[in-house]
Amino acid sequence: MMDLNQKENAYKKIKEMIVDGDLQMGKNVSDRLLSKKLKLGLTPVRDALNLLKSEDLVISFPKKGTFVFELSSKLFFDIFESRRIFETYGLKTSNNLNHNLLVIREEEILDKMSVSINEKDYLSYARLDSEFHECFILGTENDVFTKLYRNLEPKIATIRNTINLNLSEFNTKESFKMHKKIIKYIKNENIDKSIELLDDHIFVWYNKVFKLTSNMKLDLNTFKNRISTYRL
């Protein structure tokens, strides 16, 4: 009988490889190569890939193989739109439920972000960036809402890390300034302004993606037309 820890270990490692960009979007995934690289048996690796299929992080095609999900124009906009709805609602609700706890948790993450910037550890910063945004979701104390967001978040992180938006000193510092501003307005209980800044932060982030995704074959004109008619 297979050790369940091996399956869980394979799942976590392969998912991390996708999110961190080691297995890039649209690339073929070989179970045998992964088994060799991770020093795990084929069975736990294949079971892990099946779990990742259920999360739409990998996709299998008959007679072609298994691939990391690819960023289509529609998926790109769907993620963008969903993220804005989730996080702006999450910020407002988590603040209403426990303002002080939200501020404490976010300031702890900001402190860690500052350390990552000083150490030029941009991959660590990118992971903390994910934690920062997920904090708004966890604060809602809504398990279903959190589960739905966690199904979306790995795709957000994968896009971020694949196109290296945060993996530079300038972009990281600009991102950090915006995060600090959002928390500043939450602390001052100006929630409408903090939500506006969060929405703008997400909007600017995806606008930057336009400039870095020429190889992804996105229909950017259609995307921009949809964005122009959609503001929270």
C-alpha atoms as a PDB file:
ATOM      1  CA  MET A   1       0.000   0.000   0.000  1.00  0.00           C
ATOM      2  CA  MET A   2       1.338   3.440  -0.956  1.00  0.00           C
ATOM      3  CA  ASP A   3       2.443   5.781   1.803  1.00  0.00           C
ATOM      4  CA  LEU A   4      -0.059   8.668   1.817  1.00  0.00           C
ATOM      5  CA  ASN A   5       2.766  10.977   2.892  1.00  0.00           C
ATOM      6  CA  GLN A   6       4.502  10.306  -0.443  1.00  0.00           C
ATOM      7  CA  LYS A   7       1.376  11.317  -2.339  1.00  0.00           C
ATOM      8  CA  GLU A   8       1.011  14.490  -0.267  1.00  0.00           C
ATOM      9  CA  ASN A   9       4.717  15.241  -0.646  1.00  0.00           C
ATOM     10  CA  ALA A  10       4.543  14.800  -4.425  1.00  0.00           C
ATOM     11  CA  TYR A  11       1.436  16.988  -4.605  1.00  0.00           C
ATOM     12  CA  LYS A  12       3.009  19.830  -2.616  1.00  0.00           C
ATOM     13  CA  LYS A  13       6.301  19.742  -4.512  1.00  0.00           C
ATOM     14  CA  ILE A  14       4.759  19.640  -7.997  1.00  0.00           C
ATOM     15  CA  LYS A  15       2.287  22.390  -7.108  1.00  0.00           C
ATOM     16  CA  GLU A  16       5.153  24.514  -5.794  1.00  0.00           C
ATOM     17  CA  MET A  17       7.083  23.919  -9.032  1.00  0.00           C
ATOM     18  CA  ILE A  18       4.088  25.183 -11.029  1.00  0.00           C
ATOM     19  CA  VAL A  19       3.425  28.219  -8.829  1.00  0.00           C
ATOM     20  CA  ASP A  20       7.111  29.213  -8.664  1.00  0.00           C
ATOM     21  CA  GLY A  21       7.431  28.947 -12.446  1.00  0.00           C
ATOM     22  CA  ASP A  22       9.817  25.975 -12.521  1.00  0.00           C
ATOM     23  CA  LEU A  23       7.128  24.161 -14.508  1.00  0.00           C
ATOM     24  CA  GLN A  24       5.928  26.942 -16.784  1.00  0.00           C
ATOM     25  CA  MET A  25       2.431  27.461 -18.141  1.00  0.00           C
ATOM     26  CA  GLY A  26       1.684  25.400 -21.234  1.00  0.00           C
ATOM     27  CA  LYS A  27       4.691  23.114 -20.743  1.00  0.00           C
ATOM     28  CA  ASN A  28       4.554  19.328 -20.935  1.00  0.00           C
ATOM     29  CA  VAL A  29       4.680  17.488 -17.602  1.00  0.00           C
ATOM     30  CA  SER A  30       6.346  14.065 -17.621  1.00  0.00           C
ATOM     31  CA  ASP A  31       5.429  11.833 -14.687  1.00  0.00           C
ATOM     32  CA  ARG A  32       8.620   9.810 -15.202  1.00  0.00           C
ATOM     33  CA  LEU A  33      10.876  12.865 -15.187  1.00  0.00           C
ATOM     34  CA  LEU A  34       9.114  14.210 -12.104  1.00  0.00           C
ATOM     35  CA  SER A  35       9.469  10.854 -10.388  1.00  0.00           C
ATOM     36  CA  LYS A  36      13.209  10.922 -11.041  1.00  0.00           C
ATOM     37  CA  LYS A  37      13.629  14.586 -10.078  1.00  0.00           C
ATOM     38  CA  LEU A  38      11.638  14.296  -6.851  1.00  0.00           C
ATOM     39  CA  LYS A  39      13.011  10.830  -6.025  1.00  0.00           C
ATOM     40  CA  LEU A  40       9.490   9.504  -5.555  1.00  0.00           C
ATOM     41  CA  GLY A  41       7.674   6.549  -7.086  1.00  0.00           C
ATOM     42  CA  LEU A  42       5.534   6.849 -10.207  1.00  0.00           C
ATOM     43  CA  THR A  43       2.324   6.033  -8.326  1.00  0.00           C
ATOM     44  CA  PRO A  44       2.433   8.971  -5.865  1.00  0.00           C
ATOM     45  CA  VAL A  45       3.505  11.316  -8.684  1.00  0.00           C
ATOM     46  CA  ARG A  46       0.610  10.207 -10.895  1.00  0.00           C
ATOM     47  CA  ASP A  47      -1.838  10.496  -7.999  1.00  0.00           C
ATOM     48  CA  ALA A  48      -0.519  13.989  -7.294  1.00  0.00           C
ATOM     49  CA  LEU A  49      -1.012  14.975 -10.939  1.00  0.00           C
ATOM     50  CA  ASN A  50      -4.595  13.719 -10.774  1.00  0.00           C
ATOM     51  CA  LEU A  51      -5.195  15.982  -7.773  1.00  0.00           C
ATOM     52  CA  LEU A  52      -3.700  18.914  -9.660  1.00  0.00           C
ATOM     53  CA  LYS A  53      -5.985  18.123 -12.607  1.00  0.00           C
ATOM     54  CA  SER A  54      -8.974  18.479 -10.292  1.00  0.00           C
ATOM     55  CA  GLU A  55      -7.684  21.982  -9.470  1.00  0.00           C
ATOM     56  CA  ASP A  56      -7.183  22.798 -13.178  1.00  0.00           C
ATOM     57  CA  LEU A  57      -3.473  23.432 -12.646  1.00  0.00           C
ATOM     58  CA  VAL A  58      -2.592  20.655 -15.084  1.00  0.00           C
ATOM     59  CA  ILE A  59      -4.578  19.379 -18.060  1.00  0.00           C
ATOM     60  CA  SER A  60      -4.334  16.060 -19.917  1.00  0.00           C
ATOM     61  CA  PHE A  61      -4.972  15.598 -23.625  1.00  0.00           C
ATOM     62  CA  PRO A  62      -5.459  12.130 -25.192  1.00  0.00           C
ATOM     63  CA  LYS A  63      -2.373  10.976 -27.125  1.00  0.00           C
ATOM     64  CA  LYS A  64      -0.608  14.266 -26.345  1.00  0.00           C
ATOM     65  CA  GLY A  65       0.199  14.128 -22.649  1.00  0.00           C
ATOM     66  CA  THR A  66      -0.187  16.257 -19.545  1.00  0.00           C
ATOM     67  CA  PHE A  67       0.507  19.993 -19.497  1.00  0.00           C
ATOM     68  CA  VAL A  68       0.559  22.867 -17.032  1.00  0.00           C
ATOM     69  CA  PHE A  69      -2.514  25.052 -17.589  1.00  0.00           C
ATOM     70  CA  GLU A  70      -2.118  27.697 -20.286  1.00  0.00           C
ATOM     71  CA  LEU A  71      -3.225  31.304 -20.019  1.00  0.00           C
ATOM     72  CA  SER A  72      -5.969  31.997 -22.556  1.00  0.00           C
ATOM     73  CA  SER A  73      -7.584  35.413 -23.000  1.00  0.00           C
ATOM     74  CA  LYS A  74     -10.795  34.261 -21.328  1.00  0.00           C
ATOM     75  CA  LEU A  75      -9.053  32.595 -18.379  1.00  0.00           C
ATOM     76  CA  PHE A  76      -6.929  35.705 -17.914  1.00  0.00           C
ATOM     77  CA  PHE A  77      -9.953  37.983 -17.652  1.00  0.00           C
ATOM     78  CA  ASP A  78     -11.934  35.500 -15.534  1.00  0.00           C
ATOM     79  CA  ILE A  79      -9.095  35.347 -12.982  1.00  0.00           C
ATOM     80  CA  PHE A  80      -8.736  39.134 -13.011  1.00  0.00           C
ATOM     81  CA  GLU A  81     -12.460  39.733 -12.524  1.00  0.00           C
ATOM     82  CA  SER A  82     -12.871  37.038  -9.864  1.00  0.00           C
ATOM     83  CA  ARG A  83      -9.865  38.224  -7.884  1.00  0.00           C
ATOM     84  CA  ARG A  84     -11.206  41.758  -7.644  1.00  0.00           C
ATOM     85  CA  ILE A  85     -14.605  40.541  -6.453  1.00  0.00           C
ATOM     86  CA  PHE A  86     -13.119  38.149  -3.881  1.00  0.00           C
ATOM     87  CA  GLU A  87     -10.532  40.478  -2.394  1.00  0.00           C
ATOM     88  CA  THR A  88     -12.532  43.702  -2.223  1.00  0.00           C
ATOM     89  CA  TYR A  89     -15.417  41.849  -0.562  1.00  0.00           C
ATOM     90  CA  GLY A  90     -12.938  40.060   1.706  1.00  0.00           C
ATOM     91  CA  LEU A  91     -11.327  43.313   2.838  1.00  0.00           C
ATOM     92  CA  LYS A  92     -14.655  44.914   3.724  1.00  0.00           C
ATOM     93  CA  THR A  93     -16.034  41.852   5.508  1.00  0.00           C
ATOM     94  CA  SER A  94     -12.885  40.948   7.447  1.00  0.00           C
ATOM     95  CA  ASN A  95     -12.582  44.561   8.592  1.00  0.00           C
ATOM     96  CA  ASN A  96     -16.200  44.585   9.772  1.00  0.00           C
ATOM     97  CA  LEU A  97     -15.731  41.334  11.689  1.00  0.00           C
ATOM     98  CA  ASN A  98     -12.424  42.122  13.395  1.00  0.00           C
ATOM     99  CA  HIS A  99     -10.682  45.346  12.412  1.00  0.00           C
ATOM    100  CA  ASN A 100      -7.851  45.077  14.953  1.00  0.00           C
ATOM    101  CA  LEU A 101      -6.960  41.472  14.119  1.00  0.00           C
ATOM    102  CA  LEU A 102      -6.880  42.261  10.394  1.00  0.00           C
ATOM    103  CA  VAL A 103      -4.467  45.156  10.953  1.00  0.00           C
ATOM    104  CA  ILE A 104      -2.210  43.085  13.235  1.00  0.00           C
ATOM    105  CA  ARG A 105      -1.974  40.206  10.755  1.00  0.00           C
ATOM    106  CA  GLU A 106      -1.336  42.437   7.761  1.00  0.00           C
ATOM    107  CA  GLU A 107       1.318  44.482   9.574  1.00  0.00           C
ATOM    108  CA  GLU A 108       3.122  41.257  10.517  1.00  0.00           C
ATOM    109  CA  ILE A 109       3.203  40.329   6.827  1.00  0.00           C
ATOM    110  CA  LEU A 110       4.412  43.830   5.893  1.00  0.00           C
ATOM    111  CA  ASP A 111       7.307  43.462   8.359  1.00  0.00           C
ATOM    112  CA  LYS A 112       8.320  40.181   6.696  1.00  0.00           C
ATOM    113  CA  MET A 113       7.998  41.798   3.260  1.00  0.00           C
ATOM    114  CA  SER A 114      10.397  44.539   4.338  1.00  0.00           C
ATOM    115  CA  VAL A 115      12.962  41.925   5.368  1.00  0.00           C
ATOM    116  CA  SER A 116      12.594  40.130   2.017  1.00  0.00           C
ATOM    117  CA  ILE A 117      13.173  43.392   0.138  1.00  0.00           C
ATOM    118  CA  ASN A 118      16.273  44.225   2.183  1.00  0.00           C
ATOM    119  CA  GLU A 119      17.646  40.740   1.535  1.00  0.00           C
ATOM    120  CA  LYS A 120      16.640  40.951  -2.163  1.00  0.00           C
ATOM    121  CA  ASP A 121      14.748  37.691  -1.710  1.00  0.00           C
ATOM    122  CA  TYR A 122      12.082  38.407  -4.314  1.00  0.00           C
ATOM    123  CA  LEU A 123      10.652  34.895  -4.427  1.00  0.00           C
ATOM    124  CA  SER A 124      10.027  35.099  -0.683  1.00  0.00           C
ATOM    125  CA  TYR A 125       8.389  38.485  -1.246  1.00  0.00           C
ATOM    126  CA  ALA A 126       6.102  37.011  -3.905  1.00  0.00           C
ATOM    127  CA  ARG A 127       4.927  34.344  -1.456  1.00  0.00           C
ATOM    128  CA  LEU A 128       4.297  36.972   1.214  1.00  0.00           C
ATOM    129  CA  ASP A 129       2.365  38.960  -1.385  1.00  0.00           C
ATOM    130  CA  SER A 130       0.026  35.970  -1.731  1.00  0.00           C
ATOM    131  CA  GLU A 131      -0.326  35.782   2.071  1.00  0.00           C
ATOM    132  CA  PHE A 132      -1.143  39.493   2.240  1.00  0.00           C
ATOM    133  CA  HIS A 133      -4.073  39.160  -0.141  1.00  0.00           C
ATOM    134  CA  GLU A 134      -5.267  35.856   1.312  1.00  0.00           C
ATOM    135  CA  CYS A 135      -5.460  37.531   4.730  1.00  0.00           C
ATOM    136  CA  PHE A 136      -8.513  39.480   3.539  1.00  0.00           C
ATOM    137  CA  ILE A 137     -10.168  36.186   2.631  1.00  0.00           C
ATOM    138  CA  LEU A 138      -9.318  34.352   5.867  1.00  0.00           C
ATOM    139  CA  GLY A 139     -10.700  37.268   7.877  1.00  0.00           C
ATOM    140  CA  THR A 140     -14.203  36.631   6.538  1.00  0.00           C
ATOM    141  CA  GLU A 141     -14.304  33.421   8.621  1.00  0.00           C
ATOM    142  CA  ASN A 142     -16.248  31.890   5.735  1.00  0.00           C
ATOM    143  CA  ASP A 143     -14.906  28.404   4.967  1.00  0.00           C
ATOM    144  CA  VAL A 144     -16.690  28.067   1.614  1.00  0.00           C
ATOM    145  CA  PHE A 145     -15.518  31.507   0.475  1.00  0.00           C
ATOM    146  CA  THR A 146     -11.947  30.671   1.533  1.00  0.00           C
ATOM    147  CA  LYS A 147     -11.987  27.323  -0.268  1.00  0.00           C
ATOM    148  CA  LEU A 148     -13.181  28.947  -3.497  1.00  0.00           C
ATOM    149  CA  TYR A 149     -10.463  31.606  -3.293  1.00  0.00           C
ATOM    150  CA  ARG A 150      -7.763  29.030  -2.587  1.00  0.00           C
ATOM    151  CA  ASN A 151      -8.720  27.267  -5.785  1.00  0.00           C
ATOM    152  CA  LEU A 152      -8.103  30.549  -7.627  1.00  0.00           C
ATOM    153  CA  GLU A 153      -5.011  31.800  -5.790  1.00  0.00           C
ATOM    154  CA  PRO A 154      -2.448  29.293  -7.183  1.00  0.00           C
ATOM    155  CA  LYS A 155      -3.259  30.519 -10.692  1.00  0.00           C
ATOM    156  CA  ILE A 156      -2.764  34.137  -9.585  1.00  0.00           C
ATOM    157  CA  ALA A 157       0.598  33.242  -8.025  1.00  0.00           C
ATOM    158  CA  THR A 158       1.636  31.211 -11.076  1.00  0.00           C
ATOM    159  CA  ILE A 159       0.979  34.145 -13.410  1.00  0.00           C
ATOM    160  CA  ARG A 160       2.837  36.504 -11.069  1.00  0.00           C
ATOM    161  CA  ASN A 161       5.913  34.317 -10.781  1.00  0.00           C
ATOM    162  CA  THR A 162       6.005  33.144 -14.397  1.00  0.00           C
ATOM    163  CA  ILE A 163       6.145  36.659 -15.798  1.00  0.00           C
ATOM    164  CA  ASN A 164       8.482  37.765 -12.980  1.00  0.00           C
ATOM    165  CA  LEU A 165       6.444  40.837 -12.036  1.00  0.00           C
ATOM    166  CA  ASN A 166       7.713  40.836  -8.473  1.00  0.00           C
ATOM    167  CA  LEU A 167      11.151  39.403  -9.122  1.00  0.00           C
ATOM    168  CA  SER A 168      12.904  42.773  -9.449  1.00  0.00           C
ATOM    169  CA  GLU A 169      13.826  45.467  -6.964  1.00  0.00           C
ATOM    170  CA  PHE A 170      11.782  48.239  -8.605  1.00  0.00           C
ATOM    171  CA  ASN A 171       8.548  46.273  -8.998  1.00  0.00           C
ATOM    172  CA  THR A 172       8.831  44.824  -5.507  1.00  0.00           C
ATOM    173  CA  LYS A 173       9.314  48.232  -3.882  1.00  0.00           C
ATOM    174  CA  GLU A 174       6.412  49.716  -5.844  1.00  0.00           C
ATOM    175  CA  SER A 175       4.227  46.790  -4.797  1.00  0.00           C
ATOM    176  CA  PHE A 176       5.289  47.188  -1.159  1.00  0.00           C
ATOM    177  CA  LYS A 177       4.383  50.897  -1.145  1.00  0.00           C
ATOM    178  CA  MET A 178       0.892  50.103  -2.385  1.00  0.00           C
ATOM    179  CA  HIS A 179       0.395  47.380   0.226  1.00  0.00           C
ATOM    180  CA  LYS A 180       1.434  49.801   2.980  1.00  0.00           C
ATOM    181  CA  LYS A 181      -1.021  52.427   1.711  1.00  0.00           C
ATOM    182  CA  ILE A 182      -3.885  49.939   1.751  1.00  0.00           C
ATOM    183  CA  ILE A 183      -3.199  49.046   5.387  1.00  0.00           C
ATOM    184  CA  LYS A 184      -2.723  52.705   6.320  1.00  0.00           C
ATOM    185  CA  TYR A 185      -6.275  53.492   5.215  1.00  0.00           C
ATOM    186  CA  ILE A 186      -7.644  50.395   6.945  1.00  0.00           C
ATOM    187  CA  LYS A 187      -5.970  51.514  10.202  1.00  0.00           C
ATOM    188  CA  ASN A 188      -7.525  54.958   9.774  1.00  0.00           C
ATOM    189  CA  GLU A 189     -10.889  53.236   9.204  1.00  0.00           C
ATOM    190  CA  ASN A 190     -11.238  54.754   5.751  1.00  0.00           C
ATOM    191  CA  ILE A 191     -12.445  51.488   4.266  1.00  0.00           C
ATOM    192  CA  ASP A 192     -13.844  52.943   1.061  1.00  0.00           C
ATOM    193  CA  LYS A 193     -10.418  54.396   0.238  1.00  0.00           C
ATOM    194  CA  SER A 194      -8.627  51.145   1.124  1.00  0.00           C
ATOM    195  CA  ILE A 195     -10.985  49.185  -1.153  1.00  0.00           C
ATOM    196  CA  GLU A 196     -10.422  51.714  -3.938  1.00  0.00           C
ATOM    197  CA  LEU A 197      -6.642  51.320  -3.540  1.00  0.00           C
ATOM    198  CA  LEU A 198      -6.876  47.525  -3.483  1.00  0.00           C
ATOM    199  CA  ASP A 199      -8.973  47.565  -6.644  1.00  0.00           C
ATOM    200  CA  ASP A 200      -6.498  49.933  -8.330  1.00  0.00           C
ATOM    201  CA  HIS A 201      -3.591  47.748  -7.178  1.00  0.00           C
ATOM    202  CA  ILE A 202      -5.128  44.679  -8.815  1.00  0.00           C
ATOM    203  CA  PHE A 203      -6.048  46.694 -11.912  1.00  0.00           C
ATOM    204  CA  VAL A 204      -2.491  48.069 -12.294  1.00  0.00           C
ATOM    205  CA  TRP A 205      -1.020  44.607 -11.737  1.00  0.00           C
ATOM    206  CA  TYR A 206      -3.014  43.120 -14.604  1.00  0.00           C
ATOM    207  CA  ASN A 207      -2.356  46.123 -16.822  1.00  0.00           C
ATOM    208  CA  LYS A 208       1.373  45.415 -16.395  1.00  0.00           C
ATOM    209  CA  VAL A 209       0.754  41.844 -17.491  1.00  0.00           C
ATOM    210  CA  PHE A 210      -0.254  43.188 -20.920  1.00  0.00           C
ATOM    211  CA  LYS A 211       3.290  44.377 -21.500  1.00  0.00           C
ATOM    212  CA  LEU A 212       4.838  41.055 -20.546  1.00  0.00           C
ATOM    213  CA  THR A 213       2.601  38.485 -22.218  1.00  0.00           C
ATOM    214  CA  SER A 214       3.268  38.859 -25.936  1.00  0.00           C
ATOM    215  CA  ASN A 215       4.329  35.205 -25.995  1.00  0.00           C
ATOM    216  CA  MET A 216       1.041  34.059 -24.443  1.00  0.00           C
ATOM    217  CA  LYS A 217      -1.062  34.958 -27.505  1.00  0.00           C
ATOM    218  CA  LEU A 218      -3.642  36.894 -25.506  1.00  0.00           C
ATOM    219  CA  ASP A 219      -6.332  38.852 -27.297  1.00  0.00           C
ATOM    220  CA  LEU A 220      -5.445  42.055 -25.478  1.00  0.00           C
ATOM    221  CA  ASN A 221      -7.757  44.354 -27.438  1.00  0.00           C
ATOM    222  CA  THR A 222     -10.809  42.323 -26.472  1.00  0.00           C
ATOM    223  CA  PHE A 223      -9.547  42.177 -22.892  1.00  0.00           C
ATOM    224  CA  LYS A 224      -9.048  45.948 -22.700  1.00  0.00           C
ATOM    225  CA  ASN A 225     -12.516  46.583 -24.130  1.00  0.00           C
ATOM    226  CA  ARG A 226     -14.049  44.413 -21.409  1.00  0.00           C
ATOM    227  CA  ILE A 227     -12.011  46.125 -18.699  1.00  0.00           C
ATOM    228  CA  SER A 228     -13.076  49.586 -19.872  1.00  0.00           C
ATOM    229  CA  THR A 229     -16.697  48.698 -19.088  1.00  0.00           C
ATOM    230  CA  TYR A 230     -15.951  47.049 -15.745  1.00  0.00           C
ATOM    231  CA  ARG A 231     -15.079  48.955 -12.606  1.00  0.00           C
ATOM    232  CA  LEU A 232     -16.165  48.022  -9.094  1.00  0.00           C
END
